[in-house]
Amino acid sequence: MKNKVVNVAVQVLPVARDKNSYALVDEAIALIDRSGVSYRVTPFETVMEGTYERLMEVVEEVQAACYKAGADTLMCYVKIQSRAEGEVRILDKMEKYD
């Protein structure tokens, strides 16, 4: 499964005494953008597309970015969609809504 294309949805809920939570989420999304993986931001989470191994790295980097930006604590929720055969693509699920 490590080299298969999957979708990973990540939702971070950072808390900081001195920063707005939305600003910390913006840092997480900026990191995802710089990572080079395909992604789509939704109101509750960001869905990424790539290999399982790479996306798990990005999830770890997202958490580190939130802490670096000033989060005191955070909750990180991850959902993974994979297939026994074939790949999971964001466009396959979303193209009829674009």
N, C-alpha and C. Protein backbone atom coordinates (compact mmCIF):
# COMPACT_ATOMS: atom_id res chain seq x y z
N MET A 1 0.81 -1.19 0.00
CA MET A 1 0.00 0.00 0.00
C MET A 1 0.86 1.27 0.00
N LYS A 2 2.10 1.18 0.40
CA LYS A 2 2.94 2.37 0.51
C LYS A 2 3.04 3.18 -0.77
N ASN A 3 3.07 2.52 -1.92
CA ASN A 3 3.25 3.23 -3.19
C ASN A 3 1.96 3.43 -3.96
N LYS A 4 0.83 3.04 -3.39
CA LYS A 4 -0.46 3.25 -4.05
C LYS A 4 -0.94 4.67 -3.83
N VAL A 5 -1.66 5.19 -4.81
CA VAL A 5 -2.25 6.51 -4.68
C VAL A 5 -3.53 6.38 -3.87
N VAL A 6 -3.59 7.14 -2.78
CA VAL A 6 -4.73 7.13 -1.87
C VAL A 6 -5.17 8.56 -1.63
N ASN A 7 -6.28 8.71 -0.94
CA ASN A 7 -6.71 10.02 -0.44
C ASN A 7 -6.60 10.01 1.06
N VAL A 8 -6.06 11.08 1.60
CA VAL A 8 -5.98 11.27 3.04
C VAL A 8 -6.62 12.62 3.35
N ALA A 9 -7.61 12.60 4.24
CA ALA A 9 -8.21 13.84 4.72
C ALA A 9 -7.61 14.13 6.08
N VAL A 10 -7.13 15.35 6.24
CA VAL A 10 -6.55 15.74 7.52
C VAL A 10 -7.28 16.98 8.04
N GLN A 11 -7.66 16.91 9.30
CA GLN A 11 -8.29 18.04 9.97
C GLN A 11 -7.46 18.33 11.21
N VAL A 12 -6.94 19.54 11.31
CA VAL A 12 -6.20 19.93 12.51
C VAL A 12 -7.01 20.97 13.27
N LEU A 13 -7.05 20.79 14.56
CA LEU A 13 -7.75 21.71 15.44
C LEU A 13 -6.75 22.22 16.47
N PRO A 14 -5.97 23.24 16.09
CA PRO A 14 -4.95 23.77 17.00
C PRO A 14 -5.54 24.76 18.00
N VAL A 15 -4.91 24.81 19.16
CA VAL A 15 -5.29 25.77 20.19
C VAL A 15 -4.02 26.48 20.64
N ALA A 16 -4.11 27.79 20.75
CA ALA A 16 -2.98 28.60 21.23
C ALA A 16 -3.53 29.74 22.07
N ARG A 17 -2.82 30.06 23.12
CA ARG A 17 -3.25 31.16 23.98
C ARG A 17 -3.13 32.51 23.28
N ASP A 18 -2.11 32.66 22.44
CA ASP A 18 -1.80 33.97 21.88
C ASP A 18 -2.06 34.09 20.38
N LYS A 19 -2.68 33.09 19.77
CA LYS A 19 -2.91 33.14 18.32
C LYS A 19 -4.30 32.66 18.00
N ASN A 20 -4.82 33.18 16.91
CA ASN A 20 -6.10 32.75 16.38
C ASN A 20 -5.94 31.36 15.77
N SER A 21 -6.86 30.47 16.06
CA SER A 21 -6.79 29.10 15.54
C SER A 21 -6.80 29.06 14.02
N TYR A 22 -7.56 29.96 13.39
CA TYR A 22 -7.61 29.98 11.93
C TYR A 22 -6.24 30.31 11.32
N ALA A 23 -5.48 31.17 11.97
CA ALA A 23 -4.15 31.50 11.48
C ALA A 23 -3.25 30.26 11.53
N LEU A 24 -3.42 29.44 12.55
CA LEU A 24 -2.62 28.21 12.65
C LEU A 24 -3.04 27.20 11.58
N VAL A 25 -4.33 27.11 11.32
CA VAL A 25 -4.82 26.23 10.25
C VAL A 25 -4.28 26.72 8.91
N ASP A 26 -4.22 28.04 8.72
CA ASP A 26 -3.65 28.59 7.48
C ASP A 26 -2.20 28.14 7.30
N GLU A 27 -1.45 28.06 8.39
CA GLU A 27 -0.06 27.56 8.32
C GLU A 27 -0.03 26.11 7.86
N ALA A 28 -0.96 25.31 8.36
CA ALA A 28 -1.03 23.90 7.95
C ALA A 28 -1.34 23.78 6.46
N ILE A 29 -2.28 24.58 5.98
CA ILE A 29 -2.65 24.53 4.57
C ILE A 29 -1.49 25.03 3.70
N ALA A 30 -0.79 26.04 4.15
CA ALA A 30 0.37 26.55 3.40
C ALA A 30 1.44 25.46 3.29
N LEU A 31 1.64 24.69 4.35
CA LEU A 31 2.61 23.61 4.30
C LEU A 31 2.17 22.55 3.28
N ILE A 32 0.88 22.21 3.29
CA ILE A 32 0.37 21.24 2.31
C ILE A 32 0.60 21.76 0.90
N ASP A 33 0.35 23.04 0.67
CA ASP A 33 0.57 23.63 -0.64
C ASP A 33 2.04 23.51 -1.06
N ARG A 34 2.95 23.79 -0.16
CA ARG A 34 4.38 23.71 -0.47
C ARG A 34 4.85 22.27 -0.66
N SER A 35 4.11 21.31 -0.12
CA SER A 35 4.53 19.91 -0.21
C SER A 35 4.49 19.38 -1.63
N GLY A 36 3.69 20.00 -2.48
CA GLY A 36 3.59 19.56 -3.87
C GLY A 36 2.55 18.48 -4.12
N VAL A 37 1.86 18.00 -3.07
CA VAL A 37 0.83 16.99 -3.30
C VAL A 37 -0.44 17.67 -3.79
N SER A 38 -1.25 16.93 -4.52
CA SER A 38 -2.55 17.44 -4.93
C SER A 38 -3.45 17.50 -3.71
N TYR A 39 -4.26 18.56 -3.62
CA TYR A 39 -5.13 18.67 -2.45
C TYR A 39 -6.33 19.53 -2.77
N ARG A 40 -7.32 19.44 -1.89
CA ARG A 40 -8.51 20.28 -1.98
C ARG A 40 -8.91 20.67 -0.57
N VAL A 41 -9.05 21.96 -0.34
CA VAL A 41 -9.48 22.47 0.95
C VAL A 41 -11.00 22.48 0.99
N THR A 42 -11.55 21.96 2.08
CA THR A 42 -12.99 22.00 2.32
C THR A 42 -13.22 22.73 3.65
N PRO A 43 -14.46 23.03 4.00
CA PRO A 43 -14.69 23.78 5.24
C PRO A 43 -14.22 23.07 6.52
N PHE A 44 -14.14 21.74 6.50
CA PHE A 44 -13.80 21.03 7.73
C PHE A 44 -12.45 20.32 7.70
N GLU A 45 -11.91 20.09 6.51
CA GLU A 45 -10.67 19.32 6.39
C GLU A 45 -10.03 19.61 5.04
N THR A 46 -8.81 19.14 4.88
CA THR A 46 -8.13 19.22 3.60
C THR A 46 -7.89 17.80 3.12
N VAL A 47 -8.31 17.53 1.90
CA VAL A 47 -8.14 16.19 1.31
C VAL A 47 -6.94 16.23 0.38
N MET A 48 -6.04 15.28 0.59
CA MET A 48 -4.81 15.21 -0.21
C MET A 48 -4.80 13.93 -1.02
N GLU A 49 -4.06 13.96 -2.12
CA GLU A 49 -3.92 12.80 -3.00
C GLU A 49 -2.43 12.54 -3.22
N GLY A 50 -2.04 11.29 -3.06
CA GLY A 50 -0.64 10.92 -3.27
C GLY A 50 -0.39 9.52 -2.73
N THR A 51 0.87 9.16 -2.66
CA THR A 51 1.17 7.85 -2.10
C THR A 51 0.95 7.88 -0.59
N TYR A 52 0.56 6.75 -0.07
CA TYR A 52 0.31 6.64 1.37
C TYR A 52 1.51 7.14 2.17
N GLU A 53 2.68 6.67 1.78
CA GLU A 53 3.90 7.04 2.50
C GLU A 53 4.12 8.56 2.51
N ARG A 54 3.98 9.19 1.37
CA ARG A 54 4.21 10.64 1.28
C ARG A 54 3.16 11.41 2.08
N LEU A 55 1.92 10.98 1.99
CA LEU A 55 0.87 11.72 2.69
C LEU A 55 1.00 11.60 4.20
N MET A 56 1.48 10.47 4.68
CA MET A 56 1.71 10.34 6.13
C MET A 56 2.84 11.27 6.58
N GLU A 57 3.83 11.46 5.71
CA GLU A 57 4.89 12.44 6.00
C GLU A 57 4.29 13.84 6.10
N VAL A 58 3.41 14.17 5.17
CA VAL A 58 2.79 15.50 5.16
C VAL A 58 1.95 15.69 6.43
N VAL A 59 1.22 14.68 6.85
CA VAL A 59 0.43 14.78 8.08
C VAL A 59 1.34 15.11 9.26
N GLU A 60 2.48 14.46 9.34
CA GLU A 60 3.43 14.74 10.41
C GLU A 60 3.96 16.17 10.30
N GLU A 61 4.26 16.60 9.08
CA GLU A 61 4.77 17.96 8.86
C GLU A 61 3.73 19.02 9.19
N VAL A 62 2.46 18.72 8.92
CA VAL A 62 1.37 19.64 9.25
C VAL A 62 1.33 19.90 10.75
N GLN A 63 1.44 18.84 11.52
CA GLN A 63 1.42 19.00 12.97
C GLN A 63 2.61 19.83 13.45
N ALA A 64 3.78 19.54 12.91
CA ALA A 64 4.98 20.29 13.28
C ALA A 64 4.84 21.77 12.90
N ALA A 65 4.23 22.05 11.75
CA ALA A 65 4.04 23.44 11.32
C ALA A 65 3.12 24.19 12.27
N CYS A 66 2.09 23.52 12.75
CA CYS A 66 1.18 24.17 13.70
C CYS A 66 1.90 24.50 15.01
N TYR A 67 2.71 23.57 15.50
CA TYR A 67 3.46 23.84 16.73
C TYR A 67 4.48 24.96 16.51
N LYS A 68 5.14 24.93 15.37
CA LYS A 68 6.13 25.98 15.07
C LYS A 68 5.46 27.36 14.99
N ALA A 69 4.21 27.37 14.50
CA ALA A 69 3.48 28.63 14.36
C ALA A 69 2.88 29.11 15.68
N GLY A 70 3.00 28.30 16.74
CA GLY A 70 2.55 28.76 18.05
C GLY A 70 1.45 27.97 18.71
N ALA A 71 1.05 26.85 18.15
CA ALA A 71 0.01 26.04 18.80
C ALA A 71 0.54 25.48 20.12
N ASP A 72 -0.30 25.52 21.13
CA ASP A 72 0.05 24.90 22.41
C ASP A 72 -0.34 23.43 22.41
N THR A 73 -1.43 23.13 21.76
CA THR A 73 -1.92 21.76 21.65
C THR A 73 -2.74 21.66 20.38
N LEU A 74 -2.95 20.45 19.89
CA LEU A 74 -3.81 20.29 18.72
C LEU A 74 -4.37 18.88 18.68
N MET A 75 -5.50 18.79 18.03
CA MET A 75 -6.10 17.50 17.69
C MET A 75 -5.92 17.37 16.19
N CYS A 76 -5.56 16.18 15.75
CA CYS A 76 -5.35 15.92 14.33
C CYS A 76 -6.13 14.67 13.96
N TYR A 77 -7.12 14.86 13.12
CA TYR A 77 -7.96 13.75 12.68
C TYR A 77 -7.61 13.39 11.25
N VAL A 78 -7.43 12.10 10.99
CA VAL A 78 -7.01 11.63 9.67
C VAL A 78 -7.97 10.56 9.18
N LYS A 79 -8.39 10.69 7.93
CA LYS A 79 -9.20 9.67 7.27
C LYS A 79 -8.45 9.24 6.02
N ILE A 80 -8.47 7.95 5.73
CA ILE A 80 -7.73 7.41 4.59
C ILE A 80 -8.69 6.60 3.73
N GLN A 81 -8.66 6.85 2.42
CA GLN A 81 -9.40 6.02 1.48
C GLN A 81 -8.39 5.37 0.54
N SER A 82 -8.47 4.05 0.46
CA SER A 82 -7.61 3.29 -0.45
C SER A 82 -8.46 2.24 -1.15
N ARG A 83 -7.89 1.60 -2.15
CA ARG A 83 -8.57 0.52 -2.88
C ARG A 83 -7.65 -0.68 -2.97
N ALA A 84 -8.24 -1.86 -2.94
CA ALA A 84 -7.45 -3.08 -3.11
C ALA A 84 -6.81 -3.09 -4.49
N GLU A 85 -7.55 -2.66 -5.48
CA GLU A 85 -7.06 -2.57 -6.86
C GLU A 85 -7.28 -1.15 -7.35
N GLY A 86 -6.29 -0.56 -7.93
CA GLY A 86 -6.42 0.78 -8.49
C GLY A 86 -6.07 1.87 -7.50
N GLU A 87 -6.28 3.09 -7.96
CA GLU A 87 -5.91 4.26 -7.20
C GLU A 87 -7.15 5.05 -6.81
N VAL A 88 -7.02 5.88 -5.80
CA VAL A 88 -8.10 6.76 -5.38
C VAL A 88 -7.72 8.18 -5.79
N ARG A 89 -8.56 8.79 -6.59
CA ARG A 89 -8.30 10.13 -7.11
C ARG A 89 -9.40 11.09 -6.67
N ILE A 90 -9.00 12.27 -6.25
CA ILE A 90 -9.96 13.29 -5.84
C ILE A 90 -10.91 13.61 -6.99
N LEU A 91 -10.37 13.79 -8.17
CA LEU A 91 -11.18 14.19 -9.32
C LEU A 91 -12.27 13.16 -9.62
N ASP A 92 -11.97 11.88 -9.45
CA ASP A 92 -12.99 10.85 -9.71
C ASP A 92 -14.23 11.05 -8.83
N LYS A 93 -14.02 11.56 -7.63
CA LYS A 93 -15.14 11.76 -6.70
C LYS A 93 -15.78 13.13 -6.85
N MET A 94 -15.05 14.13 -7.34
CA MET A 94 -15.51 15.50 -7.31
C MET A 94 -15.86 16.11 -8.65
N GLU A 95 -15.47 15.51 -9.77
CA GLU A 95 -15.60 16.18 -11.06
C GLU A 95 -17.04 16.56 -11.40
N LYS A 96 -18.01 15.79 -10.96
CA LYS A 96 -19.40 16.13 -11.28
C LYS A 96 -19.88 17.38 -10.52
N TYR A 97 -19.12 17.81 -9.50
CA TYR A 97 -19.51 19.00 -8.73
C TYR A 97 -18.74 20.26 -9.16
N ASP A 98 -17.74 20.10 -10.00
CA ASP A 98 -16.96 21.27 -10.43
C ASP A 98 -17.66 22.04 -11.52
